[in-house]
Amino acid sequence: MVGRFTLDPTIATEFERTIGTAMEWEGSGDTRSLSERNADALHDICAFFNANHDKDGTPRHRPHVEINLDADLLGHDRCCGSTVDGDPLSASATEAYLCDSKIQRFILSAEVPLSIGRESRTVPLDMYRAVAKRDGGCRYPGCNRKIAWCEAHHIWFWRNGGPTELANLVLLCSRHHHQIHRRDWYLKLLPGGTVMVTTPGGFTYTSEPHPKPARQVNRLQT
């Protein structure tokens, strides 16, 4: 698709800055031209908006802001949460979000479904969160896209009989998700969470789960 449009200078500046922010370079092995990288950045921006807006039809019905908080801290005056990507929030920010929010329980135990088999291609919210908790972001080797940019990918393609289960899912950003669905790309989830990626040329790379950010604790000064 080729298109042309006219932008106000202020909007043009914002557009260029946004493209620059979204653009990714994956090192010496990245053979994409600047135009291709610009196009991929625009794709990522569109995919991010489509996945995170608060209108009808939002995948997984994502909230405007999603925070994680230990239930045991809810009764404390100075409780600190974190974003879905694990970045810590101050006590004041956490308290402000809790003033007008929907609280949903997420239990890290056998109560979270590990598999729904072939019942649905769509990944349930609890299962997606379990995958996100494990992976921490895009699992394509060298990619640093955070959880909010990612989609759950069936390693054994659902259309080929793959089940919707934790052991068959990994997080991929939209661009790498589309890339993996092209012919002759193979993924394998190893014990411990390591992902092995084999390219069409036969090269193999591995990806470890993203490290969790250090948790900050805000203490009331006396």
N, C-alpha and C. Protein backbone atom coordinates (compact mmCIF):
# COMPACT_ATOMS: atom_id res chain seq x y z
N MET A 1 0.84 -1.19 0.00
CA MET A 1 0.00 0.00 0.00
C MET A 1 0.88 1.25 0.00
N VAL A 2 0.54 2.21 -0.84
CA VAL A 2 1.26 3.47 -0.91
C VAL A 2 0.27 4.60 -0.68
N GLY A 3 0.60 5.53 0.19
CA GLY A 3 -0.31 6.63 0.48
C GLY A 3 0.43 7.94 0.65
N ARG A 4 -0.32 9.03 0.56
CA ARG A 4 0.26 10.35 0.73
C ARG A 4 -0.73 11.23 1.46
N PHE A 5 -0.25 12.01 2.43
CA PHE A 5 -1.13 12.90 3.16
C PHE A 5 -0.35 14.13 3.58
N THR A 6 -1.09 15.19 3.87
CA THR A 6 -0.49 16.46 4.26
C THR A 6 -0.71 16.68 5.75
N LEU A 7 0.38 17.04 6.47
CA LEU A 7 0.30 17.23 7.90
C LEU A 7 0.64 18.67 8.27
N ASP A 8 -0.05 19.16 9.28
CA ASP A 8 0.31 20.44 9.88
C ASP A 8 1.73 20.30 10.44
N PRO A 9 2.55 21.37 10.40
CA PRO A 9 3.93 21.27 10.88
C PRO A 9 4.06 20.68 12.29
N THR A 10 3.16 21.07 13.19
CA THR A 10 3.22 20.53 14.56
C THR A 10 2.94 19.04 14.56
N ILE A 11 1.92 18.62 13.79
CA ILE A 11 1.59 17.20 13.72
C ILE A 11 2.72 16.43 13.04
N ALA A 12 3.33 17.05 12.02
CA ALA A 12 4.45 16.39 11.32
C ALA A 12 5.61 16.14 12.28
N THR A 13 5.88 17.10 13.14
CA THR A 13 6.96 16.94 14.12
C THR A 13 6.66 15.79 15.07
N GLU A 14 5.40 15.73 15.55
CA GLU A 14 5.00 14.65 16.44
C GLU A 14 5.07 13.30 15.73
N PHE A 15 4.65 13.29 14.46
CA PHE A 15 4.67 12.06 13.68
C PHE A 15 6.10 11.54 13.52
N GLU A 16 7.01 12.43 13.14
CA GLU A 16 8.41 12.03 12.95
C GLU A 16 9.02 11.54 14.26
N ARG A 17 8.69 12.23 15.36
CA ARG A 17 9.23 11.83 16.66
C ARG A 17 8.69 10.46 17.06
N THR A 18 7.40 10.22 16.77
CA THR A 18 6.80 8.94 17.13
C THR A 18 7.42 7.80 16.33
N ILE A 19 7.62 8.03 15.03
CA ILE A 19 8.27 7.02 14.20
C ILE A 19 9.67 6.72 14.73
N GLY A 20 10.40 7.77 15.09
CA GLY A 20 11.75 7.58 15.62
C GLY A 20 11.76 6.80 16.92
N THR A 21 10.76 7.06 17.77
CA THR A 21 10.67 6.35 19.05
C THR A 21 10.34 4.88 18.84
N ALA A 22 9.45 4.61 17.90
CA ALA A 22 9.00 3.23 17.67
C ALA A 22 9.99 2.42 16.84
N MET A 23 10.90 3.10 16.13
CA MET A 23 11.81 2.39 15.25
C MET A 23 12.79 1.53 16.05
N GLU A 24 13.04 0.32 15.58
CA GLU A 24 13.95 -0.61 16.23
C GLU A 24 15.07 -0.98 15.27
N TRP A 25 16.29 -1.11 15.82
CA TRP A 25 17.43 -1.63 15.06
C TRP A 25 17.99 -2.80 15.83
N GLU A 26 18.11 -3.94 15.18
CA GLU A 26 18.47 -5.16 15.87
C GLU A 26 19.92 -5.56 15.66
N GLY A 27 20.79 -4.57 15.49
CA GLY A 27 22.21 -4.85 15.38
C GLY A 27 22.66 -5.15 13.97
N SER A 28 23.89 -5.67 13.87
CA SER A 28 24.51 -5.88 12.57
C SER A 28 23.75 -6.87 11.70
N GLY A 29 22.95 -7.74 12.32
CA GLY A 29 22.20 -8.71 11.53
C GLY A 29 20.91 -8.16 10.95
N ASP A 30 20.59 -6.90 11.29
CA ASP A 30 19.35 -6.27 10.80
C ASP A 30 19.62 -5.71 9.40
N THR A 31 19.07 -6.35 8.38
CA THR A 31 19.35 -5.96 6.99
C THR A 31 18.26 -5.07 6.39
N ARG A 32 17.28 -4.64 7.19
CA ARG A 32 16.21 -3.79 6.66
C ARG A 32 16.74 -2.41 6.29
N SER A 33 16.19 -1.86 5.20
CA SER A 33 16.53 -0.50 4.81
C SER A 33 15.85 0.49 5.76
N LEU A 34 16.23 1.77 5.68
CA LEU A 34 15.61 2.78 6.53
C LEU A 34 14.11 2.87 6.24
N SER A 35 13.73 2.78 4.95
CA SER A 35 12.31 2.82 4.60
C SER A 35 11.55 1.65 5.20
N GLU A 36 12.17 0.47 5.19
CA GLU A 36 11.52 -0.71 5.76
C GLU A 36 11.40 -0.57 7.27
N ARG A 37 12.41 -0.01 7.90
CA ARG A 37 12.34 0.19 9.35
C ARG A 37 11.28 1.23 9.70
N ASN A 38 11.15 2.28 8.87
CA ASN A 38 10.08 3.26 9.09
C ASN A 38 8.71 2.61 8.97
N ALA A 39 8.55 1.76 7.95
CA ALA A 39 7.26 1.09 7.74
C ALA A 39 6.96 0.15 8.90
N ASP A 40 7.96 -0.58 9.39
CA ASP A 40 7.75 -1.48 10.52
C ASP A 40 7.40 -0.69 11.78
N ALA A 41 7.99 0.48 11.94
CA ALA A 41 7.68 1.32 13.10
C ALA A 41 6.22 1.77 13.04
N LEU A 42 5.75 2.16 11.85
CA LEU A 42 4.35 2.57 11.70
C LEU A 42 3.42 1.40 11.99
N HIS A 43 3.80 0.21 11.55
CA HIS A 43 3.02 -0.99 11.84
C HIS A 43 2.93 -1.20 13.36
N ASP A 44 4.05 -1.06 14.07
CA ASP A 44 4.06 -1.25 15.52
C ASP A 44 3.17 -0.24 16.21
N ILE A 45 3.19 1.01 15.75
CA ILE A 45 2.37 2.06 16.35
C ILE A 45 0.89 1.72 16.18
N CYS A 46 0.50 1.31 14.97
CA CYS A 46 -0.90 0.96 14.71
C CYS A 46 -1.32 -0.25 15.54
N ALA A 47 -0.46 -1.26 15.60
CA ALA A 47 -0.78 -2.47 16.36
C ALA A 47 -0.90 -2.16 17.84
N PHE A 48 -0.03 -1.28 18.33
CA PHE A 48 -0.07 -0.90 19.75
C PHE A 48 -1.38 -0.20 20.07
N PHE A 49 -1.80 0.73 19.21
CA PHE A 49 -3.06 1.44 19.44
C PHE A 49 -4.24 0.49 19.39
N ASN A 50 -4.26 -0.38 18.38
CA ASN A 50 -5.37 -1.32 18.23
C ASN A 50 -5.48 -2.28 19.42
N ALA A 51 -4.36 -2.56 20.07
CA ALA A 51 -4.37 -3.48 21.20
C ALA A 51 -4.66 -2.80 22.52
N ASN A 52 -4.48 -1.48 22.59
CA ASN A 52 -4.55 -0.81 23.88
C ASN A 52 -5.60 0.29 24.00
N HIS A 53 -6.37 0.56 22.96
CA HIS A 53 -7.39 1.59 23.09
C HIS A 53 -8.51 1.09 24.00
N ASP A 54 -9.36 2.00 24.45
CA ASP A 54 -10.40 1.62 25.40
C ASP A 54 -11.79 1.60 24.77
N LYS A 55 -11.85 1.51 23.46
CA LYS A 55 -13.14 1.44 22.77
C LYS A 55 -13.57 -0.01 22.60
N ASP A 56 -14.80 -0.20 22.09
CA ASP A 56 -15.29 -1.55 21.86
C ASP A 56 -14.38 -2.30 20.91
N GLY A 57 -14.20 -3.56 21.17
CA GLY A 57 -13.39 -4.38 20.27
C GLY A 57 -11.93 -4.46 20.65
N THR A 58 -11.54 -3.87 21.79
CA THR A 58 -10.15 -3.95 22.21
C THR A 58 -9.79 -5.40 22.54
N PRO A 59 -8.73 -5.95 21.95
CA PRO A 59 -8.34 -7.32 22.29
C PRO A 59 -8.12 -7.46 23.79
N ARG A 60 -8.66 -8.52 24.36
CA ARG A 60 -8.55 -8.82 25.79
C ARG A 60 -9.13 -7.71 26.65
N HIS A 61 -9.83 -6.73 26.05
CA HIS A 61 -10.47 -5.64 26.80
C HIS A 61 -9.49 -5.01 27.78
N ARG A 62 -8.35 -4.62 27.29
CA ARG A 62 -7.34 -4.03 28.16
C ARG A 62 -7.81 -2.72 28.75
N PRO A 63 -7.51 -2.46 30.03
CA PRO A 63 -7.87 -1.19 30.63
C PRO A 63 -6.93 -0.09 30.17
N HIS A 64 -7.33 1.14 30.44
CA HIS A 64 -6.48 2.28 30.09
C HIS A 64 -5.13 2.19 30.80
N VAL A 65 -5.17 1.87 32.07
CA VAL A 65 -3.96 1.64 32.86
C VAL A 65 -4.15 0.36 33.65
N GLU A 66 -3.20 -0.54 33.59
CA GLU A 66 -3.29 -1.78 34.34
C GLU A 66 -2.14 -1.84 35.33
N ILE A 67 -2.43 -2.09 36.59
CA ILE A 67 -1.38 -2.18 37.60
C ILE A 67 -1.50 -3.50 38.34
N ASN A 68 -0.38 -3.95 38.86
CA ASN A 68 -0.33 -5.17 39.65
C ASN A 68 -0.09 -4.79 41.10
N LEU A 69 -0.79 -5.46 42.02
CA LEU A 69 -0.67 -5.12 43.43
C LEU A 69 -0.96 -6.36 44.26
N ASP A 70 -0.09 -6.62 45.22
CA ASP A 70 -0.29 -7.73 46.14
C ASP A 70 -1.54 -7.45 46.97
N ALA A 71 -2.47 -8.41 47.01
CA ALA A 71 -3.72 -8.20 47.73
C ALA A 71 -3.50 -7.88 49.20
N ASP A 72 -2.41 -8.40 49.78
CA ASP A 72 -2.13 -8.15 51.19
C ASP A 72 -1.81 -6.68 51.46
N LEU A 73 -1.48 -5.91 50.41
CA LEU A 73 -1.11 -4.51 50.60
C LEU A 73 -2.31 -3.56 50.50
N LEU A 74 -3.47 -4.10 50.09
CA LEU A 74 -4.61 -3.22 49.85
C LEU A 74 -5.03 -2.46 51.09
N GLY A 75 -4.86 -3.03 52.27
CA GLY A 75 -5.29 -2.36 53.49
C GLY A 75 -4.25 -1.43 54.07
N HIS A 76 -3.07 -1.34 53.45
CA HIS A 76 -2.00 -0.50 53.98
C HIS A 76 -2.15 0.94 53.47
N ASP A 77 -1.72 1.88 54.30
CA ASP A 77 -1.80 3.29 53.92
C ASP A 77 -0.81 3.63 52.81
N ARG A 78 0.32 2.95 52.78
CA ARG A 78 1.36 3.28 51.81
C ARG A 78 1.67 2.04 50.98
N CYS A 79 0.74 1.64 50.10
CA CYS A 79 0.95 0.45 49.28
C CYS A 79 1.48 0.87 47.90
N CYS A 80 2.42 0.09 47.39
CA CYS A 80 3.04 0.38 46.10
C CYS A 80 2.72 -0.74 45.11
N GLY A 81 2.26 -0.37 43.93
CA GLY A 81 2.00 -1.35 42.89
C GLY A 81 3.05 -1.27 41.80
N SER A 82 2.77 -1.89 40.68
CA SER A 82 3.68 -1.83 39.53
C SER A 82 2.86 -1.91 38.26
N THR A 83 3.43 -1.46 37.15
CA THR A 83 2.75 -1.52 35.86
C THR A 83 2.76 -2.95 35.37
N VAL A 84 2.02 -3.21 34.29
CA VAL A 84 1.98 -4.55 33.73
C VAL A 84 3.36 -4.99 33.25
N ASP A 85 4.26 -4.02 32.94
CA ASP A 85 5.62 -4.35 32.52
C ASP A 85 6.56 -4.49 33.70
N GLY A 86 6.05 -4.31 34.94
CA GLY A 86 6.88 -4.50 36.12
C GLY A 86 7.55 -3.25 36.64
N ASP A 87 7.31 -2.11 36.00
CA ASP A 87 7.91 -0.87 36.49
C ASP A 87 7.21 -0.43 37.77
N PRO A 88 7.96 -0.07 38.81
CA PRO A 88 7.35 0.26 40.09
C PRO A 88 6.58 1.57 40.05
N LEU A 89 5.50 1.64 40.83
CA LEU A 89 4.71 2.86 40.98
C LEU A 89 4.85 3.35 42.41
N SER A 90 4.84 4.66 42.57
CA SER A 90 4.89 5.23 43.91
C SER A 90 3.59 4.93 44.65
N ALA A 91 3.62 5.09 45.95
CA ALA A 91 2.42 4.86 46.74
C ALA A 91 1.31 5.82 46.34
N SER A 92 1.66 7.08 46.09
CA SER A 92 0.64 8.07 45.73
C SER A 92 -0.02 7.74 44.39
N ALA A 93 0.79 7.29 43.41
CA ALA A 93 0.23 6.93 42.11
C ALA A 93 -0.67 5.70 42.24
N THR A 94 -0.22 4.72 43.01
CA THR A 94 -1.03 3.52 43.23
C THR A 94 -2.36 3.86 43.86
N GLU A 95 -2.32 4.70 44.89
CA GLU A 95 -3.54 5.08 45.60
C GLU A 95 -4.50 5.84 44.68
N ALA A 96 -3.96 6.69 43.80
CA ALA A 96 -4.80 7.45 42.88
C ALA A 96 -5.52 6.52 41.91
N TYR A 97 -4.81 5.52 41.38
CA TYR A 97 -5.44 4.58 40.45
C TYR A 97 -6.50 3.75 41.16
N LEU A 98 -6.27 3.41 42.43
CA LEU A 98 -7.22 2.58 43.16
C LEU A 98 -8.51 3.31 43.49
N CYS A 99 -8.49 4.66 43.43
CA CYS A 99 -9.70 5.43 43.74
C CYS A 99 -10.83 5.13 42.76
N ASP A 100 -10.49 4.84 41.51
CA ASP A 100 -11.51 4.61 40.49
C ASP A 100 -11.02 3.49 39.59
N SER A 101 -11.19 2.27 40.05
CA SER A 101 -10.61 1.15 39.32
C SER A 101 -11.47 -0.10 39.45
N LYS A 102 -11.16 -1.06 38.62
CA LYS A 102 -11.78 -2.37 38.69
C LYS A 102 -10.71 -3.35 39.13
N ILE A 103 -10.95 -4.02 40.25
CA ILE A 103 -9.96 -4.94 40.80
C ILE A 103 -10.31 -6.35 40.36
N GLN A 104 -9.33 -7.02 39.75
CA GLN A 104 -9.54 -8.39 39.28
C GLN A 104 -8.51 -9.29 39.93
N ARG A 105 -8.95 -10.40 40.45
CA ARG A 105 -8.06 -11.34 41.13
C ARG A 105 -7.25 -12.12 40.10
N PHE A 106 -5.95 -12.30 40.39
CA PHE A 106 -5.09 -13.13 39.56
C PHE A 106 -4.26 -13.99 40.50
N ILE A 107 -4.53 -15.27 40.53
CA ILE A 107 -3.90 -16.17 41.47
C ILE A 107 -2.81 -16.97 40.77
N LEU A 108 -1.61 -16.91 41.32
CA LEU A 108 -0.50 -17.68 40.75
C LEU A 108 -0.53 -19.08 41.36
N SER A 109 -1.41 -19.91 40.86
CA SER A 109 -1.57 -21.26 41.39
C SER A 109 -2.25 -22.11 40.33
N ALA A 110 -2.63 -23.31 40.73
CA ALA A 110 -3.28 -24.22 39.78
C ALA A 110 -4.65 -23.73 39.36
N GLU A 111 -5.19 -22.68 40.03
CA GLU A 111 -6.49 -22.17 39.66
C GLU A 111 -6.45 -21.43 38.33
N VAL A 112 -5.27 -20.97 37.91
CA VAL A 112 -5.13 -20.34 36.60
C VAL A 112 -5.07 -21.44 35.55
N PRO A 113 -5.93 -21.42 34.55
CA PRO A 113 -5.96 -22.52 33.57
C PRO A 113 -4.65 -22.61 32.80
N LEU A 114 -4.07 -23.80 32.77
CA LEU A 114 -2.83 -24.01 32.04
C LEU A 114 -3.12 -24.39 30.59
N SER A 115 -4.34 -24.81 30.31
CA SER A 115 -4.69 -25.21 28.96
C SER A 115 -6.20 -25.19 28.79
N ILE A 116 -6.64 -24.76 27.60
CA ILE A 116 -8.05 -24.95 27.23
C ILE A 116 -8.11 -25.74 25.93
N GLY A 117 -6.97 -26.38 25.61
CA GLY A 117 -6.91 -27.27 24.45
C GLY A 117 -7.29 -26.59 23.15
N ARG A 118 -8.20 -27.23 22.41
CA ARG A 118 -8.65 -26.70 21.13
C ARG A 118 -9.98 -25.95 21.26
N GLU A 119 -10.39 -25.70 22.51
CA GLU A 119 -11.68 -25.06 22.75
C GLU A 119 -11.74 -23.68 22.10
N SER A 120 -10.64 -22.93 22.12
CA SER A 120 -10.64 -21.57 21.58
C SER A 120 -9.26 -21.19 21.11
N ARG A 121 -9.23 -20.47 20.01
CA ARG A 121 -7.96 -19.94 19.52
C ARG A 121 -7.55 -18.71 20.33
N THR A 122 -8.54 -17.97 20.83
CA THR A 122 -8.28 -16.77 21.61
C THR A 122 -7.73 -17.14 22.97
N VAL A 123 -6.66 -16.45 23.38
CA VAL A 123 -6.03 -16.73 24.67
C VAL A 123 -6.80 -16.00 25.76
N PRO A 124 -7.33 -16.73 26.77
CA PRO A 124 -8.06 -16.08 27.86
C PRO A 124 -7.17 -15.09 28.61
N LEU A 125 -7.78 -14.10 29.22
CA LEU A 125 -7.03 -13.04 29.89
C LEU A 125 -6.11 -13.59 30.97
N ASP A 126 -6.60 -14.51 31.81
CA ASP A 126 -5.76 -15.05 32.87
C ASP A 126 -4.55 -15.80 32.31
N MET A 127 -4.77 -16.54 31.21
CA MET A 127 -3.67 -17.28 30.60
C MET A 127 -2.67 -16.31 29.97
N TYR A 128 -3.19 -15.24 29.32
CA TYR A 128 -2.29 -14.24 28.75
C TYR A 128 -1.41 -13.63 29.84
N ARG A 129 -2.03 -13.31 30.99
CA ARG A 129 -1.27 -12.71 32.08
C ARG A 129 -0.21 -13.66 32.62
N ALA A 130 -0.52 -14.96 32.63
CA ALA A 130 0.47 -15.95 33.07
C ALA A 130 1.65 -15.99 32.11
N VAL A 131 1.37 -15.94 30.81
CA VAL A 131 2.44 -15.90 29.80
C VAL A 131 3.26 -14.62 29.96
N ALA A 132 2.57 -13.49 30.16
CA ALA A 132 3.26 -12.21 30.34
C ALA A 132 4.14 -12.22 31.58
N LYS A 133 3.63 -12.82 32.65
CA LYS A 133 4.41 -12.91 33.90
C LYS A 133 5.69 -13.70 33.67
N ARG A 134 5.60 -14.76 32.87
CA ARG A 134 6.77 -15.60 32.60
C ARG A 134 7.76 -14.92 31.66
N ASP A 135 7.23 -14.32 30.56
CA ASP A 135 8.10 -13.83 29.49
C ASP A 135 8.61 -12.41 29.72
N GLY A 136 7.76 -11.52 30.22
CA GLY A 136 8.19 -10.15 30.51
C GLY A 136 8.32 -9.24 29.30
N GLY A 137 8.02 -9.73 28.10
CA GLY A 137 8.12 -8.93 26.88
C GLY A 137 8.31 -9.84 25.68
N CYS A 138 8.60 -9.24 24.52
CA CYS A 138 8.77 -10.02 23.29
C CYS A 138 9.94 -10.99 23.42
N ARG A 139 9.70 -12.25 23.05
CA ARG A 139 10.71 -13.30 23.20
C ARG A 139 11.53 -13.52 21.94
N TYR A 140 11.34 -12.68 20.91
CA TYR A 140 12.21 -12.80 19.75
C TYR A 140 13.61 -12.37 20.18
N PRO A 141 14.65 -13.14 19.86
CA PRO A 141 16.00 -12.81 20.33
C PRO A 141 16.42 -11.39 19.96
N GLY A 142 16.82 -10.62 20.97
CA GLY A 142 17.30 -9.26 20.76
C GLY A 142 16.23 -8.19 20.81
N CYS A 143 14.95 -8.58 20.86
CA CYS A 143 13.88 -7.59 20.88
C CYS A 143 13.59 -7.18 22.32
N ASN A 144 13.43 -5.85 22.53
CA ASN A 144 13.18 -5.36 23.89
C ASN A 144 11.78 -4.78 24.06
N ARG A 145 10.86 -5.13 23.15
CA ARG A 145 9.49 -4.64 23.28
C ARG A 145 8.86 -5.17 24.58
N LYS A 146 8.18 -4.27 25.29
CA LYS A 146 7.57 -4.65 26.56
C LYS A 146 6.22 -5.32 26.33
N ILE A 147 5.64 -5.77 27.44
CA ILE A 147 4.41 -6.57 27.38
C ILE A 147 3.29 -5.85 26.63
N ALA A 148 3.14 -4.54 26.86
CA ALA A 148 2.03 -3.80 26.24
C ALA A 148 2.09 -3.82 24.72
N TRP A 149 3.25 -4.08 24.13
CA TRP A 149 3.40 -4.13 22.68
C TRP A 149 3.18 -5.54 22.13
N CYS A 150 2.93 -6.51 22.99
CA CYS A 150 3.01 -7.92 22.59
C CYS A 150 1.67 -8.62 22.46
N GLU A 151 1.71 -9.73 21.73
CA GLU A 151 0.58 -10.61 21.53
C GLU A 151 1.03 -12.03 21.90
N ALA A 152 0.08 -12.87 22.28
CA ALA A 152 0.39 -14.27 22.58
C ALA A 152 0.42 -15.07 21.27
N HIS A 153 1.50 -15.79 21.06
CA HIS A 153 1.70 -16.56 19.82
C HIS A 153 1.67 -18.05 20.13
N HIS A 154 0.92 -18.82 19.31
CA HIS A 154 0.90 -20.28 19.42
C HIS A 154 2.16 -20.82 18.73
N ILE A 155 3.05 -21.43 19.50
CA ILE A 155 4.29 -21.98 18.94
C ILE A 155 3.95 -23.06 17.91
N TRP A 156 3.15 -24.01 18.30
CA TRP A 156 2.56 -24.96 17.35
C TRP A 156 1.28 -24.29 16.86
N PHE A 157 1.28 -23.82 15.62
CA PHE A 157 0.20 -22.99 15.11
C PHE A 157 -1.16 -23.61 15.39
N TRP A 158 -2.10 -22.77 15.83
CA TRP A 158 -3.44 -23.24 16.16
C TRP A 158 -4.11 -23.86 14.94
N ARG A 159 -3.90 -23.26 13.78
CA ARG A 159 -4.54 -23.77 12.56
C ARG A 159 -4.03 -25.17 12.19
N ASN A 160 -2.85 -25.53 12.70
CA ASN A 160 -2.27 -26.84 12.42
C ASN A 160 -2.52 -27.84 13.55
N GLY A 161 -3.40 -27.46 14.49
CA GLY A 161 -3.74 -28.38 15.57
C GLY A 161 -3.14 -28.05 16.91
N GLY A 162 -2.42 -26.92 17.01
CA GLY A 162 -1.79 -26.55 18.26
C GLY A 162 -2.80 -26.13 19.32
N PRO A 163 -2.59 -26.52 20.56
CA PRO A 163 -3.53 -26.19 21.62
C PRO A 163 -3.28 -24.80 22.20
N THR A 164 -4.30 -24.23 22.80
CA THR A 164 -4.16 -22.97 23.52
C THR A 164 -3.83 -23.33 24.97
N GLU A 165 -2.54 -23.35 25.27
CA GLU A 165 -2.07 -23.71 26.59
C GLU A 165 -0.76 -22.99 26.88
N LEU A 166 -0.46 -22.85 28.16
CA LEU A 166 0.71 -22.08 28.58
C LEU A 166 1.99 -22.59 27.93
N ALA A 167 2.13 -23.90 27.81
CA ALA A 167 3.35 -24.49 27.26
C ALA A 167 3.47 -24.29 25.76
N ASN A 168 2.41 -23.80 25.11
CA ASN A 168 2.44 -23.59 23.66
C ASN A 168 2.34 -22.11 23.29
N LEU A 169 2.55 -21.23 24.27
CA LEU A 169 2.40 -19.80 24.03
C LEU A 169 3.65 -19.02 24.42
N VAL A 170 3.99 -18.02 23.62
CA VAL A 170 5.06 -17.07 23.96
C VAL A 170 4.60 -15.67 23.54
N LEU A 171 5.16 -14.66 24.17
CA LEU A 171 4.87 -13.29 23.78
C LEU A 171 5.76 -12.88 22.62
N LEU A 172 5.15 -12.24 21.61
CA LEU A 172 5.89 -11.65 20.49
C LEU A 172 5.29 -10.29 20.20
N CYS A 173 6.13 -9.30 19.89
CA CYS A 173 5.60 -8.02 19.44
C CYS A 173 4.95 -8.23 18.08
N SER A 174 4.14 -7.30 17.65
CA SER A 174 3.35 -7.49 16.43
C SER A 174 4.23 -7.78 15.22
N ARG A 175 5.33 -7.05 15.07
CA ARG A 175 6.18 -7.25 13.88
C ARG A 175 6.79 -8.64 13.88
N HIS A 176 7.35 -9.06 15.00
CA HIS A 176 7.97 -10.38 15.05
C HIS A 176 6.93 -11.49 15.01
N HIS A 177 5.72 -11.21 15.50
CA HIS A 177 4.64 -12.19 15.39
C HIS A 177 4.34 -12.48 13.92
N HIS A 178 4.22 -11.41 13.12
CA HIS A 178 3.96 -11.60 11.69
C HIS A 178 5.15 -12.28 11.01
N GLN A 179 6.36 -11.95 11.44
CA GLN A 179 7.55 -12.53 10.83
C GLN A 179 7.61 -14.04 11.09
N ILE A 180 7.31 -14.44 12.32
CA ILE A 180 7.37 -15.86 12.67
C ILE A 180 6.33 -16.67 11.90
N HIS A 181 5.20 -16.03 11.53
CA HIS A 181 4.16 -16.76 10.81
C HIS A 181 4.49 -16.95 9.32
N ARG A 182 5.59 -16.36 8.88
CA ARG A 182 6.02 -16.66 7.51
C ARG A 182 6.63 -18.06 7.48
N ARG A 183 6.82 -18.60 6.32
CA ARG A 183 7.28 -19.97 6.17
C ARG A 183 8.69 -20.17 6.72
N ASP A 184 8.90 -21.37 7.29
CA ASP A 184 10.23 -21.85 7.68
C ASP A 184 10.85 -21.14 8.86
N TRP A 185 10.05 -20.49 9.70
CA TRP A 185 10.53 -20.00 10.99
C TRP A 185 10.02 -20.97 12.06
N TYR A 186 10.89 -21.34 12.99
CA TYR A 186 10.50 -22.32 14.00
C TYR A 186 10.85 -21.81 15.40
N LEU A 187 9.91 -21.99 16.33
CA LEU A 187 10.12 -21.65 17.72
C LEU A 187 9.96 -22.91 18.57
N LYS A 188 10.72 -22.95 19.66
CA LYS A 188 10.60 -24.05 20.60
C LYS A 188 10.79 -23.50 22.00
N LEU A 189 9.84 -23.82 22.89
CA LEU A 189 9.93 -23.39 24.29
C LEU A 189 10.59 -24.50 25.09
N LEU A 190 11.74 -24.19 25.70
CA LEU A 190 12.50 -25.18 26.46
C LEU A 190 12.17 -25.08 27.95
N PRO A 191 12.49 -26.12 28.71
CA PRO A 191 12.28 -26.07 30.16
C PRO A 191 13.01 -24.86 30.76
N GLY A 192 12.38 -24.20 31.71
CA GLY A 192 12.98 -23.03 32.31
C GLY A 192 12.61 -21.74 31.62
N GLY A 193 11.87 -21.83 30.50
CA GLY A 193 11.39 -20.62 29.83
C GLY A 193 12.25 -20.13 28.67
N THR A 194 13.36 -20.80 28.37
CA THR A 194 14.19 -20.41 27.23
C THR A 194 13.45 -20.68 25.92
N VAL A 195 13.51 -19.72 24.99
CA VAL A 195 12.90 -19.88 23.68
C VAL A 195 14.00 -20.03 22.63
N MET A 196 13.89 -21.05 21.80
CA MET A 196 14.85 -21.28 20.72
C MET A 196 14.18 -20.90 19.40
N VAL A 197 14.83 -20.03 18.64
CA VAL A 197 14.31 -19.57 17.34
C VAL A 197 15.25 -20.05 16.25
N THR A 198 14.70 -20.72 15.25
CA THR A 198 15.48 -21.17 14.09
C THR A 198 14.99 -20.42 12.86
N THR A 199 15.90 -19.74 12.17
CA THR A 199 15.56 -18.93 11.01
C THR A 199 15.43 -19.79 9.76
N PRO A 200 14.86 -19.24 8.67
CA PRO A 200 14.78 -20.02 7.42
C PRO A 200 16.15 -20.47 6.92
N GLY A 201 17.21 -19.73 7.28
CA GLY A 201 18.55 -20.10 6.84
C GLY A 201 19.21 -21.15 7.72
N GLY A 202 18.51 -21.58 8.76
CA GLY A 202 19.05 -22.63 9.62
C GLY A 202 19.82 -22.12 10.82
N PHE A 203 19.89 -20.79 11.01
CA PHE A 203 20.58 -20.24 12.16
C PHE A 203 19.68 -20.34 13.39
N THR A 204 20.27 -20.65 14.53
CA THR A 204 19.52 -20.82 15.76
C THR A 204 19.95 -19.81 16.80
N TYR A 205 18.96 -19.18 17.43
CA TYR A 205 19.20 -18.20 18.48
C TYR A 205 18.32 -18.54 19.67
N THR A 206 18.74 -18.11 20.85
CA THR A 206 17.93 -18.35 22.04
C THR A 206 17.57 -17.03 22.72
N SER A 207 16.48 -17.07 23.46
CA SER A 207 15.98 -15.90 24.17
C SER A 207 15.55 -16.33 25.57
N GLU A 208 16.04 -15.59 26.58
CA GLU A 208 15.65 -15.85 27.96
C GLU A 208 14.53 -14.90 28.35
N PRO A 209 13.70 -15.27 29.35
CA PRO A 209 12.68 -14.34 29.82
C PRO A 209 13.30 -13.01 30.23
N HIS A 210 12.59 -11.93 30.00
CA HIS A 210 13.11 -10.62 30.35
C HIS A 210 13.25 -10.51 31.86
N PRO A 211 14.35 -9.92 32.33
CA PRO A 211 14.52 -9.78 33.79
C PRO A 211 13.46 -8.85 34.36
N LYS A 212 13.01 -9.16 35.56
CA LYS A 212 12.02 -8.33 36.23
C LYS A 212 12.71 -7.12 36.84
N PRO A 213 12.14 -5.91 36.65
CA PRO A 213 12.74 -4.71 37.26
C PRO A 213 12.78 -4.83 38.77
N ALA A 214 13.80 -4.21 39.36
CA ALA A 214 13.91 -4.22 40.81
C ALA A 214 12.72 -3.47 41.41
N ARG A 215 12.14 -4.04 42.42
CA ARG A 215 10.96 -3.45 43.04
C ARG A 215 11.37 -2.36 44.03
N GLN A 216 10.84 -1.17 43.89
CA GLN A 216 11.12 -0.08 44.81
C GLN A 216 10.08 -0.10 45.91
N VAL A 217 10.52 0.18 47.12
CA VAL A 217 9.61 0.26 48.26
C VAL A 217 9.65 1.66 48.81
N ASN A 218 8.52 2.33 48.80
CA ASN A 218 8.42 3.68 49.36
C ASN A 218 8.07 3.58 50.85
N ARG A 219 8.84 4.23 51.66
CA ARG A 219 8.60 4.20 53.09
C ARG A 219 8.17 5.58 53.57
N LEU A 220 7.28 5.61 54.50
CA LEU A 220 6.79 6.85 55.06
C LEU A 220 7.88 7.48 55.91
N GLN A 221 8.27 8.69 55.56
CA GLN A 221 9.33 9.39 56.29
C GLN A 221 8.77 9.97 57.57
N THR A 222 9.52 9.83 58.66
CA THR A 222 9.10 10.40 59.94
C THR A 222 10.16 11.38 60.44
